[in-house]
Protein backbone atom coordinates (compact mmCIF):
# COMPACT_ATOMS: atom_id res chain seq x y z
CA UNK A 1 65.75 -11.27 27.57
CA UNK A 2 66.46 -13.79 30.51
CA UNK A 3 64.95 -16.95 30.93
CA UNK A 4 62.27 -16.19 33.39
CA UNK A 5 60.84 -13.56 31.02
CA UNK A 6 60.68 -15.69 28.13
CA UNK A 7 58.49 -18.09 30.22
CA UNK A 8 56.31 -15.05 31.09
CA UNK A 9 56.42 -14.25 27.86
CA UNK A 10 55.67 -17.85 26.56
CA UNK A 11 52.57 -18.04 29.05
CA UNK A 12 51.30 -14.54 27.98
CA UNK A 13 51.22 -16.00 24.53
CA UNK A 14 49.40 -19.45 24.98
CA UNK A 15 46.58 -17.84 27.02
CA UNK A 16 46.18 -15.16 24.12
CA UNK A 17 46.04 -18.11 21.59
CA UNK A 18 43.33 -20.39 23.32
CA UNK A 19 41.04 -17.76 22.56
CA UNK A 20 37.41 -17.35 24.23
CA UNK A 21 36.26 -19.99 26.78
CA UNK A 22 32.88 -21.50 26.65
CA UNK A 23 31.58 -19.14 29.65
CA UNK A 24 32.86 -16.23 27.15
CA UNK A 25 31.04 -17.75 24.21
CA UNK A 26 28.04 -18.16 26.06
CA UNK A 27 27.93 -14.74 27.41
CA UNK A 28 28.33 -13.69 23.63
CA UNK A 29 25.55 -15.89 22.59
CA UNK A 30 22.89 -14.68 24.90
CA UNK A 31 23.29 -11.51 24.37
CA UNK A 32 22.82 -11.37 20.42
CA UNK A 33 19.49 -13.26 21.32
CA UNK A 34 18.60 -10.84 23.93
CA UNK A 35 19.40 -8.04 20.97
CA UNK A 36 17.50 -9.90 18.38
CA UNK A 37 14.32 -10.33 20.66
CA UNK A 38 13.99 -7.13 21.31
CA UNK A 39 14.83 -5.92 17.83
CA UNK A 40 11.46 -8.64 16.81
CA UNK A 41 9.37 -6.90 19.73
CA UNK A 42 10.38 -3.24 18.46
CA UNK A 43 9.47 -4.46 14.39
CA UNK A 44 6.04 -6.32 15.60
CA UNK A 45 3.82 -3.14 15.67
CA UNK A 46 5.08 -1.63 11.86
CA UNK A 47 5.03 -4.71 10.39
CA UNK A 48 1.28 -4.88 11.69
CA UNK A 49 0.63 -1.32 10.71
CA UNK A 50 2.17 -2.62 7.25
CA UNK A 51 0.13 -5.43 6.96
CA UNK A 52 -3.30 -3.31 7.34
CA UNK A 53 -1.91 -0.74 5.05
CA UNK A 54 -1.56 -3.51 2.81
CA UNK A 55 -4.90 -4.79 2.58
CA UNK A 56 -6.25 -1.07 2.33
CA UNK A 57 -4.12 -0.76 -0.87
CA UNK A 58 -5.49 -4.20 -2.21
CA UNK A 59 -9.22 -2.93 -1.54
CA UNK A 60 -8.44 0.53 -3.34
CA UNK A 61 -6.79 -1.09 -5.93
CA UNK A 62 -8.99 -3.69 -6.63
CA UNK A 63 -11.95 -1.10 -7.02
CA UNK A 64 -9.75 0.96 -9.48
CA UNK A 65 -8.91 -1.86 -11.33
CA UNK A 66 -13.21 -2.99 -11.87
CA UNK A 67 -13.62 1.07 -12.74
CA UNK A 68 -11.04 1.11 -15.23
CA UNK A 69 -12.11 -1.68 -16.80
CA UNK A 70 -15.49 -0.81 -16.75
CA UNK A 71 -14.91 2.79 -18.89
CA UNK A 72 -11.66 0.80 -21.20
CA UNK A 73 -14.48 -1.84 -22.47
CA UNK A 74 -17.42 0.19 -21.81
CA UNK A 75 -18.99 -2.83 -19.90
CA UNK A 76 -20.85 -2.71 -16.33
CA UNK A 77 -18.82 -4.51 -14.19
CA UNK A 78 -20.71 -5.66 -10.59
CA UNK A 79 -18.83 -6.04 -7.50
CA UNK A 80 -19.84 -8.46 -5.00
CA UNK A 81 -18.49 -8.24 -1.39
CA UNK A 82 -17.42 -11.23 1.14
CA UNK A 83 -16.60 -9.98 4.67
CA UNK A 84 -15.63 -13.68 5.95
CA UNK A 85 -11.95 -14.62 6.04
CA UNK A 86 -11.07 -13.59 3.57
CA UNK A 87 -12.91 -11.20 2.87
CA UNK A 88 -13.25 -11.14 -1.13
CA UNK A 89 -13.78 -8.48 -4.02
CA UNK A 90 -15.20 -10.37 -7.21
CA UNK A 91 -15.57 -8.37 -9.94
CA UNK A 92 -18.46 -9.21 -12.77
CA UNK A 93 -18.99 -8.46 -16.22
CA UNK A 94 -22.75 -7.88 -17.25
CA UNK A 95 -23.25 -8.76 -20.41
CA UNK A 96 -27.16 -8.70 -19.72
CA UNK A 97 -27.31 -4.81 -19.17
CA UNK A 98 -27.07 -2.87 -22.24
CA UNK A 99 -27.65 -6.24 -24.79
CA UNK A 100 -24.22 -8.04 -24.73
CA UNK A 101 -25.56 -11.11 -24.51
CA UNK A 102 -27.15 -13.19 -21.34
CA UNK A 103 -23.35 -14.59 -20.07
CA UNK A 104 -21.61 -12.36 -17.14
CA UNK A 105 -18.39 -14.01 -16.96
CA UNK A 106 -16.05 -13.17 -13.58
CA UNK A 107 -13.18 -11.13 -14.58
CA UNK A 108 -11.37 -11.73 -10.79
CA UNK A 109 -11.87 -12.40 -7.22
CA UNK A 110 -9.56 -10.69 -5.07
CA UNK A 111 -8.63 -12.32 -1.52
CA UNK A 112 -7.60 -9.02 0.79
CA UNK A 113 -4.51 -9.84 2.70
CA UNK A 114 -5.01 -11.44 6.06
CA UNK A 115 -5.67 -11.05 9.24
CA UNK A 116 -7.36 -8.04 7.77
CA UNK A 117 -10.86 -8.48 7.09
CA UNK A 118 -13.92 -6.31 5.87
CA UNK A 119 -14.69 -5.15 9.94
CA UNK A 120 -16.20 -2.45 11.67
CA UNK A 121 -16.58 -1.76 15.29
CA UNK A 122 -19.84 -0.50 15.97
CA UNK A 123 -18.11 2.53 18.22
CA UNK A 124 -15.94 3.99 14.83
CA UNK A 125 -16.60 6.94 13.57
CA UNK A 126 -17.79 7.72 9.74
CA UNK A 127 -15.00 9.08 8.04
CA UNK A 128 -14.57 12.25 6.99
CA UNK A 129 -16.26 11.63 4.11
CA UNK A 130 -19.28 10.68 5.53
CA UNK A 131 -20.23 8.20 3.19
CA UNK A 132 -21.61 6.12 5.75
CA UNK A 133 -20.87 3.52 8.49
CA UNK A 134 -23.40 1.55 8.18
CA UNK A 135 -21.66 -1.40 8.07
CA UNK A 136 -18.15 -3.16 7.23
CA UNK A 137 -19.40 -2.82 3.79
CA UNK A 138 -21.76 0.27 3.50
CA UNK A 139 -22.81 1.52 0.15
CA UNK A 140 -25.84 3.46 -0.26
CA UNK A 141 -26.57 3.75 2.97
CA UNK A 142 -27.04 0.02 2.95
CA UNK A 143 -25.58 -2.57 5.28
CA UNK A 144 -23.74 -4.71 2.53
CA UNK A 145 -24.75 -2.37 -0.28
CA UNK A 146 -27.82 -2.83 -2.50
CA UNK A 147 -28.25 -5.46 -4.84
CA UNK A 148 -26.37 -4.32 -7.29
CA UNK A 149 -23.36 -2.00 -7.26
CA UNK A 150 -22.08 -1.31 -10.48
CA UNK A 151 -19.30 0.26 -11.77
CA UNK A 152 -20.67 2.06 -15.57
CA UNK A 153 -18.71 3.25 -18.82
CA UNK A 154 -18.03 6.43 -17.50
CA UNK A 155 -16.91 5.75 -14.48
CA UNK A 156 -19.94 6.56 -11.92
CA UNK A 157 -20.57 3.66 -9.30
CA UNK A 158 -24.38 3.21 -9.76
CA UNK A 159 -27.15 1.30 -8.04
CA UNK A 160 -29.84 -1.19 -10.74
CA UNK A 161 -31.69 2.31 -11.24
CA UNK A 162 -28.10 3.65 -12.85
CA UNK A 163 -27.84 6.35 -9.60
CA UNK A 164 -24.98 7.43 -8.66
CA UNK A 165 -23.85 6.53 -4.53
CA UNK A 166 -21.51 6.62 -2.25
CA UNK A 167 -20.03 4.48 -0.19
CA UNK A 168 -17.42 3.24 2.63
CA UNK A 169 -15.64 -0.05 3.03
CA UNK A 170 -14.02 -0.73 6.37
CA UNK A 171 -11.09 -2.94 7.50
CA UNK A 172 -9.37 -4.46 9.82
CA UNK A 173 -8.82 -6.72 12.93
CA UNK A 174 -11.60 -7.35 15.67
CA UNK A 175 -11.17 -5.04 18.44
CA UNK A 176 -7.63 -3.54 17.72
CA UNK A 177 -8.35 0.32 16.93
CA UNK A 178 -5.00 1.08 15.39
CA UNK A 179 -6.02 -1.83 12.44
CA UNK A 180 -8.67 -0.21 11.54
CA UNK A 181 -8.64 1.16 7.27
CA UNK A 182 -11.48 2.92 5.14
CA UNK A 183 -11.71 3.04 1.66
CA UNK A 184 -14.46 5.35 0.66
CA UNK A 185 -16.16 5.77 -3.10
CA UNK A 186 -17.82 9.13 -4.29
CA UNK A 187 -20.17 7.54 -6.69
CA UNK A 188 -20.41 10.36 -9.34
CA UNK A 189 -17.12 10.50 -10.10
CA UNK A 190 -15.83 7.22 -8.81
CA UNK A 191 -13.14 8.85 -6.94
CA UNK A 192 -11.76 6.32 -4.16
CA UNK A 193 -9.71 7.64 -1.28
CA UNK A 194 -7.69 5.45 1.64
CA UNK A 195 -8.01 6.95 5.25
CA UNK A 196 -6.26 5.39 8.83
CA UNK A 197 -7.52 5.59 11.88
CA UNK A 198 -5.00 5.87 14.84
CA UNK A 199 -7.98 4.98 17.87
CA UNK A 200 -9.34 7.83 17.74
CA UNK A 201 -9.35 10.01 14.25
CA UNK A 202 -9.77 9.00 10.73
CA UNK A 203 -6.57 10.67 8.75
CA UNK A 204 -6.26 10.59 4.85
CA UNK A 205 -3.31 8.18 2.99
């Protein structure tokens, strides 16, 4: 190899060894940021959907937990709902019903995961279970439910006269129809179902 060829080869080697220039690095970083932003934007609807599903499952699981406690311990368990933010479900053991004493301990209070709350838009249709859509908490077709909402030891959901009653619990984010969820209760058996709204119709989950 002559001297001129060796010089050209050495020059090419030096250019290769210099690596990326600042402009090239900036372009790579900009591309990486753009891809990250697009991925985050694409993931947000799925994240919101998962958040609302989690609120629905928390509601259903809490209802089932209260029912099972009533059956296992042969006590009346009263349910109390709040519709603020966060929305909550409180289960209280009613020892005064059945002659087990006058103290009624709170068993648990569960907060519904935000940003979902107990919520019902006035144009949202009833679920296919037809347990009522009078309000976010609609039990025995009563807004907020009757004064006494009780699980009894056979698993039924009953009122103060120990009559089985059906109900619906609606959840969602204000004025965002695809976030709407519902949990329905069949009083005579204590069966609990989950429902999801797509903006026009309910589907069972």
